[in-house]
Amino acid sequence: MISPIPIIFTVNWNACIKCGACVAVCPQEAGFTSPFDTIAVDRPCHIACLLCQRVCPVSAITNEKFKAQNEK
């Protein structure tokens, strides 16, 4: 399922235990990994299944709808 409105995820790095569960369930290719194979969130998610948020054992992931630069 592709969301008509992309989602931006925020990771609370103080809470994140870097278990990789979010990376393992993410159907968006490289949605949570950086070029250095570390967990990173650097682009909008167009799938918006929220699996990453559901599997996070410490609830470190939150989300909000992506707003284009020309939106308020």
PDB file of N, CA and C in Angstrom:
ATOM      1  N   MET A   1       0.850  -1.169   0.000  1.00  0.00           N
ATOM      2  CA  MET A   1       0.000   0.000   0.000  1.00  0.00           C
ATOM      3  C   MET A   1       0.897   1.234   0.000  1.00  0.00           C
ATOM      4  N   ILE A   2       0.658   2.137  -0.948  1.00  0.00           N
ATOM      5  CA  ILE A   2       1.422   3.369  -1.015  1.00  0.00           C
ATOM      6  C   ILE A   2       0.542   4.504  -0.514  1.00  0.00           C
ATOM      7  N   SER A   3       1.081   5.281   0.382  1.00  0.00           N
ATOM      8  CA  SER A   3       0.341   6.392   0.970  1.00  0.00           C
ATOM      9  C   SER A   3       0.351   7.584   0.017  1.00  0.00           C
ATOM     10  N   PRO A   4      -0.795   8.252  -0.165  1.00  0.00           N
ATOM     11  CA  PRO A   4      -0.802   9.448  -1.004  1.00  0.00           C
ATOM     12  C   PRO A   4      -0.046  10.611  -0.359  1.00  0.00           C
ATOM     13  N   ILE A   5       0.126  10.558   0.955  1.00  0.00           N
ATOM     14  CA  ILE A   5       0.860  11.591   1.685  1.00  0.00           C
ATOM     15  C   ILE A   5       2.065  10.940   2.358  1.00  0.00           C
ATOM     16  N   PRO A   6       3.279  11.286   1.930  1.00  0.00           N
ATOM     17  CA  PRO A   6       4.462  10.684   2.553  1.00  0.00           C
ATOM     18  C   PRO A   6       4.542  10.998   4.048  1.00  0.00           C
ATOM     19  N   ILE A   7       5.210  10.132   4.758  1.00  0.00           N
ATOM     20  CA  ILE A   7       5.391  10.250   6.203  1.00  0.00           C
ATOM     21  C   ILE A   7       6.870  10.517   6.485  1.00  0.00           C
ATOM     22  N   ILE A   8       7.126  11.386   7.444  1.00  0.00           N
ATOM     23  CA  ILE A   8       8.492  11.611   7.924  1.00  0.00           C
ATOM     24  C   ILE A   8       8.591  10.979   9.308  1.00  0.00           C
ATOM     25  N   PHE A   9       9.593  10.155   9.490  1.00  0.00           N
ATOM     26  CA  PHE A   9       9.804   9.521  10.786  1.00  0.00           C
ATOM     27  C   PHE A   9      10.871  10.263  11.567  1.00  0.00           C
ATOM     28  N   THR A  10      10.713  10.287  12.861  1.00  0.00           N
ATOM     29  CA  THR A  10      11.700  10.867  13.759  1.00  0.00           C
ATOM     30  C   THR A  10      12.117   9.782  14.732  1.00  0.00           C
ATOM     31  N   VAL A  11      13.412   9.636  14.907  1.00  0.00           N
ATOM     32  CA  VAL A  11      13.932   8.654  15.854  1.00  0.00           C
ATOM     33  C   VAL A  11      14.492   9.401  17.057  1.00  0.00           C
ATOM     34  N   ASN A  12      14.049   9.025  18.232  1.00  0.00           N
ATOM     35  CA  ASN A  12      14.603   9.568  19.473  1.00  0.00           C
ATOM     36  C   ASN A  12      15.890   8.785  19.734  1.00  0.00           C
ATOM     37  N   TRP A  13      17.019   9.380  19.364  1.00  0.00           N
ATOM     38  CA  TRP A  13      18.296   8.664  19.459  1.00  0.00           C
ATOM     39  C   TRP A  13      18.712   8.399  20.901  1.00  0.00           C
ATOM     40  N   ASN A  14      18.160   9.124  21.850  1.00  0.00           N
ATOM     41  CA  ASN A  14      18.447   8.834  23.256  1.00  0.00           C
ATOM     42  C   ASN A  14      17.730   7.572  23.711  1.00  0.00           C
ATOM     43  N   ALA A  15      16.620   7.241  23.069  1.00  0.00           N
ATOM     44  CA  ALA A  15      15.861   6.041  23.433  1.00  0.00           C
ATOM     45  C   ALA A  15      16.231   4.834  22.566  1.00  0.00           C
ATOM     46  N   CYS A  16      16.651   5.085  21.324  1.00  0.00           N
ATOM     47  CA  CYS A  16      16.946   4.005  20.376  1.00  0.00           C
ATOM     48  C   CYS A  16      18.070   3.104  20.907  1.00  0.00           C
ATOM     49  N   ILE A  17      17.836   1.788  20.853  1.00  0.00           N
ATOM     50  CA  ILE A  17      18.853   0.830  21.307  1.00  0.00           C
ATOM     51  C   ILE A  17      19.593   0.194  20.126  1.00  0.00           C
ATOM     52  N   LYS A  18      19.305   0.699  18.920  1.00  0.00           N
ATOM     53  CA  LYS A  18      19.974   0.258  17.692  1.00  0.00           C
ATOM     54  C   LYS A  18      19.885  -1.249  17.481  1.00  0.00           C
ATOM     55  N   CYS A  19      18.688  -1.794  17.756  1.00  0.00           N
ATOM     56  CA  CYS A  19      18.473  -3.233  17.601  1.00  0.00           C
ATOM     57  C   CYS A  19      18.287  -3.637  16.144  1.00  0.00           C
ATOM     58  N   GLY A  20      17.899  -2.682  15.282  1.00  0.00           N
ATOM     59  CA  GLY A  20      17.723  -2.968  13.864  1.00  0.00           C
ATOM     60  C   GLY A  20      16.373  -3.545  13.489  1.00  0.00           C
ATOM     61  N   ALA A  21      15.447  -3.637  14.424  1.00  0.00           N
ATOM     62  CA  ALA A  21      14.121  -4.194  14.124  1.00  0.00           C
ATOM     63  C   ALA A  21      13.420  -3.370  13.045  1.00  0.00           C
ATOM     64  N   CYS A  22      13.563  -2.052  13.093  1.00  0.00           N
ATOM     65  CA  CYS A  22      12.931  -1.176  12.097  1.00  0.00           C
ATOM     66  C   CYS A  22      13.490  -1.447  10.702  1.00  0.00           C
ATOM     67  N   VAL A  23      14.787  -1.651  10.611  1.00  0.00           N
ATOM     68  CA  VAL A  23      15.431  -1.934   9.333  1.00  0.00           C
ATOM     69  C   VAL A  23      14.941  -3.270   8.790  1.00  0.00           C
ATOM     70  N   ALA A  24      14.792  -4.253   9.660  1.00  0.00           N
ATOM     71  CA  ALA A  24      14.390  -5.592   9.242  1.00  0.00           C
ATOM     72  C   ALA A  24      12.985  -5.639   8.658  1.00  0.00           C
ATOM     73  N   VAL A  25      12.073  -4.809   9.147  1.00  0.00           N
ATOM     74  CA  VAL A  25      10.688  -4.877   8.663  1.00  0.00           C
ATOM     75  C   VAL A  25      10.365  -3.850   7.588  1.00  0.00           C
ATOM     76  N   CYS A  26      11.250  -2.921   7.316  1.00  0.00           N
ATOM     77  CA  CYS A  26      10.957  -1.833   6.374  1.00  0.00           C
ATOM     78  C   CYS A  26      10.884  -2.339   4.930  1.00  0.00           C
ATOM     79  N   PRO A  27       9.705  -2.210   4.271  1.00  0.00           N
ATOM     80  CA  PRO A  27       9.587  -2.647   2.881  1.00  0.00           C
ATOM     81  C   PRO A  27      10.115  -1.618   1.881  1.00  0.00           C
ATOM     82  N   GLN A  28      10.428  -0.423   2.346  1.00  0.00           N
ATOM     83  CA  GLN A  28      10.981   0.611   1.466  1.00  0.00           C
ATOM     84  C   GLN A  28      12.483   0.411   1.434  1.00  0.00           C
ATOM     85  N   GLU A  29      13.014   0.159   0.272  1.00  0.00           N
ATOM     86  CA  GLU A  29      14.436  -0.158   0.163  1.00  0.00           C
ATOM     87  C   GLU A  29      15.306   0.913   0.811  1.00  0.00           C
ATOM     88  N   ALA A  30      16.109   0.503   1.738  1.00  0.00           N
ATOM     89  CA  ALA A  30      17.036   1.384   2.467  1.00  0.00           C
ATOM     90  C   ALA A  30      16.325   2.514   3.185  1.00  0.00           C
ATOM     91  N   GLY A  31      15.097   2.297   3.575  1.00  0.00           N
ATOM     92  CA  GLY A  31      14.333   3.338   4.239  1.00  0.00           C
ATOM     93  C   GLY A  31      14.910   3.770   5.567  1.00  0.00           C
ATOM     94  N   PHE A  32      15.655   2.889   6.207  1.00  0.00           N
ATOM     95  CA  PHE A  32      16.194   3.222   7.521  1.00  0.00           C
ATOM     96  C   PHE A  32      17.693   3.003   7.614  1.00  0.00           C
ATOM     97  N   THR A  33      18.378   2.876   6.488  1.00  0.00           N
ATOM     98  CA  THR A  33      19.819   2.663   6.579  1.00  0.00           C
ATOM     99  C   THR A  33      20.575   3.741   5.820  1.00  0.00           C
ATOM    100  N   SER A  34      21.704   4.096   6.354  1.00  0.00           N
ATOM    101  CA  SER A  34      22.556   5.097   5.717  1.00  0.00           C
ATOM    102  C   SER A  34      23.580   4.372   4.840  1.00  0.00           C
ATOM    103  N   PRO A  35      24.341   5.110   4.045  1.00  0.00           N
ATOM    104  CA  PRO A  35      25.391   4.470   3.243  1.00  0.00           C
ATOM    105  C   PRO A  35      26.436   3.750   4.095  1.00  0.00           C
ATOM    106  N   PHE A  36      26.464   4.042   5.382  1.00  0.00           N
ATOM    107  CA  PHE A  36      27.444   3.427   6.274  1.00  0.00           C
ATOM    108  C   PHE A  36      26.848   2.271   7.065  1.00  0.00           C
ATOM    109  N   ASP A  37      25.672   1.760   6.609  1.00  0.00           N
ATOM    110  CA  ASP A  37      24.979   0.642   7.256  1.00  0.00           C
ATOM    111  C   ASP A  37      24.593   0.926   8.696  1.00  0.00           C
ATOM    112  N   THR A  38      24.296   2.165   8.983  1.00  0.00           N
ATOM    113  CA  THR A  38      23.784   2.517  10.299  1.00  0.00           C
ATOM    114  C   THR A  38      22.329   2.930  10.148  1.00  0.00           C
ATOM    115  N   ILE A  39      21.607   2.949  11.233  1.00  0.00           N
ATOM    116  CA  ILE A  39      20.206   3.325  11.184  1.00  0.00           C
ATOM    117  C   ILE A  39      20.115   4.826  10.970  1.00  0.00           C
ATOM    118  N   ALA A  40      19.336   5.234   9.977  1.00  0.00           N
ATOM    119  CA  ALA A  40      19.171   6.655   9.669  1.00  0.00           C
ATOM    120  C   ALA A  40      17.822   6.874   9.003  1.00  0.00           C
ATOM    121  N   VAL A  41      17.248   8.017   9.229  1.00  0.00           N
ATOM    122  CA  VAL A  41      15.987   8.373   8.593  1.00  0.00           C
ATOM    123  C   VAL A  41      16.231   9.685   7.879  1.00  0.00           C
ATOM    124  N   ASP A  42      16.401   9.618   6.563  1.00  0.00           N
ATOM    125  CA  ASP A  42      16.785  10.831   5.857  1.00  0.00           C
ATOM    126  C   ASP A  42      15.892  11.188   4.679  1.00  0.00           C
ATOM    127  N   ARG A  43      14.773  10.485   4.529  1.00  0.00           N
ATOM    128  CA  ARG A  43      13.878  10.805   3.425  1.00  0.00           C
ATOM    129  C   ARG A  43      12.458  10.400   3.776  1.00  0.00           C
ATOM    130  N   PRO A  44      11.486  10.997   3.088  1.00  0.00           N
ATOM    131  CA  PRO A  44      10.095  10.640   3.381  1.00  0.00           C
ATOM    132  C   PRO A  44       9.800   9.189   3.025  1.00  0.00           C
ATOM    133  N   CYS A  45       8.907   8.589   3.767  1.00  0.00           N
ATOM    134  CA  CYS A  45       8.460   7.226   3.493  1.00  0.00           C
ATOM    135  C   CYS A  45       7.158   7.312   2.706  1.00  0.00           C
ATOM    136  N   HIS A  46       7.136   6.718   1.518  1.00  0.00           N
ATOM    137  CA  HIS A  46       5.948   6.765   0.673  1.00  0.00           C
ATOM    138  C   HIS A  46       5.047   5.552   0.886  1.00  0.00           C
ATOM    139  N   ILE A  47       5.497   4.579   1.628  1.00  0.00           N
ATOM    140  CA  ILE A  47       4.688   3.390   1.889  1.00  0.00           C
ATOM    141  C   ILE A  47       3.811   3.620   3.113  1.00  0.00           C
ATOM    142  N   ALA A  48       4.377   4.191   4.137  1.00  0.00           N
ATOM    143  CA  ALA A  48       3.654   4.561   5.364  1.00  0.00           C
ATOM    144  C   ALA A  48       2.892   3.403   5.996  1.00  0.00           C
ATOM    145  N   CYS A  49       3.520   2.231   6.053  1.00  0.00           N
ATOM    146  CA  CYS A  49       2.878   1.070   6.683  1.00  0.00           C
ATOM    147  C   CYS A  49       2.987   1.133   8.207  1.00  0.00           C
ATOM    148  N   LEU A  50       3.924   1.928   8.705  1.00  0.00           N
ATOM    149  CA  LEU A  50       4.170   2.131  10.137  1.00  0.00           C
ATOM    150  C   LEU A  50       4.670   0.880  10.863  1.00  0.00           C
ATOM    151  N   LEU A  51       5.128  -0.121  10.114  1.00  0.00           N
ATOM    152  CA  LEU A  51       5.664  -1.330  10.746  1.00  0.00           C
ATOM    153  C   LEU A  51       6.855  -1.007  11.639  1.00  0.00           C
ATOM    154  N   CYS A  52       7.708  -0.111  11.189  1.00  0.00           N
ATOM    155  CA  CYS A  52       8.894   0.237  11.980  1.00  0.00           C
ATOM    156  C   CYS A  52       8.493   0.779  13.345  1.00  0.00           C
ATOM    157  N   GLN A  53       7.494   1.616  13.340  1.00  0.00           N
ATOM    158  CA  GLN A  53       7.027   2.210  14.595  1.00  0.00           C
ATOM    159  C   GLN A  53       6.417   1.143  15.507  1.00  0.00           C
ATOM    160  N   ARG A  54       5.714   0.194  14.910  1.00  0.00           N
ATOM    161  CA  ARG A  54       5.067  -0.863  15.705  1.00  0.00           C
ATOM    162  C   ARG A  54       6.063  -1.843  16.315  1.00  0.00           C
ATOM    163  N   VAL A  55       7.168  -2.123  15.599  1.00  0.00           N
ATOM    164  CA  VAL A  55       8.107  -3.130  16.102  1.00  0.00           C
ATOM    165  C   VAL A  55       9.174  -2.565  17.026  1.00  0.00           C
ATOM    166  N   CYS A  56       9.283  -1.270  17.113  1.00  0.00           N
ATOM    167  CA  CYS A  56      10.318  -0.673  17.964  1.00  0.00           C
ATOM    168  C   CYS A  56      10.052  -1.036  19.430  1.00  0.00           C
ATOM    169  N   PRO A  57      10.986  -1.761  20.057  1.00  0.00           N
ATOM    170  CA  PRO A  57      10.755  -2.217  21.430  1.00  0.00           C
ATOM    171  C   PRO A  57      10.795  -1.104  22.479  1.00  0.00           C
ATOM    172  N   VAL A  58      11.320   0.063  22.110  1.00  0.00           N
ATOM    173  CA  VAL A  58      11.415   1.160  23.077  1.00  0.00           C
ATOM    174  C   VAL A  58      10.618   2.396  22.642  1.00  0.00           C
ATOM    175  N   SER A  59       9.783   2.241  21.633  1.00  0.00           N
ATOM    176  CA  SER A  59       8.937   3.335  21.116  1.00  0.00           C
ATOM    177  C   SER A  59       9.744   4.588  20.776  1.00  0.00           C
ATOM    178  N   ALA A  60      10.882   4.380  20.128  1.00  0.00           N
ATOM    179  CA  ALA A  60      11.759   5.498  19.782  1.00  0.00           C
ATOM    180  C   ALA A  60      11.373   6.174  18.468  1.00  0.00           C
ATOM    181  N   ILE A  61      10.434   5.590  17.722  1.00  0.00           N
ATOM    182  CA  ILE A  61      10.073   6.118  16.409  1.00  0.00           C
ATOM    183  C   ILE A  61       8.698   6.777  16.456  1.00  0.00           C
ATOM    184  N   THR A  62       8.648   8.016  15.982  1.00  0.00           N
ATOM    185  CA  THR A  62       7.376   8.725  15.841  1.00  0.00           C
ATOM    186  C   THR A  62       7.279   9.207  14.395  1.00  0.00           C
ATOM    187  N   ASN A  63       6.102   9.669  13.996  1.00  0.00           N
ATOM    188  CA  ASN A  63       5.945  10.113  12.616  1.00  0.00           C
ATOM    189  C   ASN A  63       5.035  11.319  12.512  1.00  0.00           C
ATOM    190  N   GLU A  64       5.129  11.969  11.366  1.00  0.00           N
ATOM    191  CA  GLU A  64       4.217  13.061  11.030  1.00  0.00           C
ATOM    192  C   GLU A  64       4.100  13.099   9.510  1.00  0.00           C
ATOM    193  N   LYS A  65       3.032  13.692   9.013  1.00  0.00           N
ATOM    194  CA  LYS A  65       2.846  13.798   7.573  1.00  0.00           C
ATOM    195  C   LYS A  65       3.868  14.773   7.003  1.00  0.00           C
ATOM    196  N   PHE A  66       4.419  14.403   5.857  1.00  0.00           N
ATOM    197  CA  PHE A  66       5.412  15.229   5.174  1.00  0.00           C
ATOM    198  C   PHE A  66       4.726  16.434   4.551  1.00  0.00           C
ATOM    199  N   LYS A  67       5.303  17.597   4.734  1.00  0.00           N
ATOM    200  CA  LYS A  67       4.790  18.818   4.116  1.00  0.00           C
ATOM    201  C   LYS A  67       5.844  19.341   3.150  1.00  0.00           C
ATOM    202  N   ALA A  68       5.422  19.604   1.928  1.00  0.00           N
ATOM    203  CA  ALA A  68       6.337  20.167   0.942  1.00  0.00           C
ATOM    204  C   ALA A  68       6.747  21.566   1.383  1.00  0.00           C
ATOM    205  N   GLN A  69       7.840  22.058   0.857  1.00  0.00           N
ATOM    206  CA  GLN A  69       8.343  23.367   1.269  1.00  0.00           C
ATOM    207  C   GLN A  69       7.356  24.492   0.996  1.00  0.00           C
ATOM    208  N   ASN A  70       6.493  24.332  -0.008  1.00  0.00           N
ATOM    209  CA  ASN A  70       5.540  25.388  -0.321  1.00  0.00           C
ATOM    210  C   ASN A  70       4.254  25.283   0.499  1.00  0.00           C
ATOM    211  N   GLU A  71       4.126  24.261   1.353  1.00  0.00           N
ATOM    212  CA  GLU A  71       2.971  24.120   2.233  1.00  0.00           C
ATOM    213  C   GLU A  71       3.259  24.764   3.576  1.00  0.00           C
ATOM    214  N   LYS A  72       2.205  25.182   4.248  1.00  0.00           N
ATOM    215  CA  LYS A  72       2.368  25.765   5.585  1.00  0.00           C
ATOM    216  C   LYS A  72       2.109  24.734   6.638  1.00  0.00           C
TER     217      LYS A  72
END
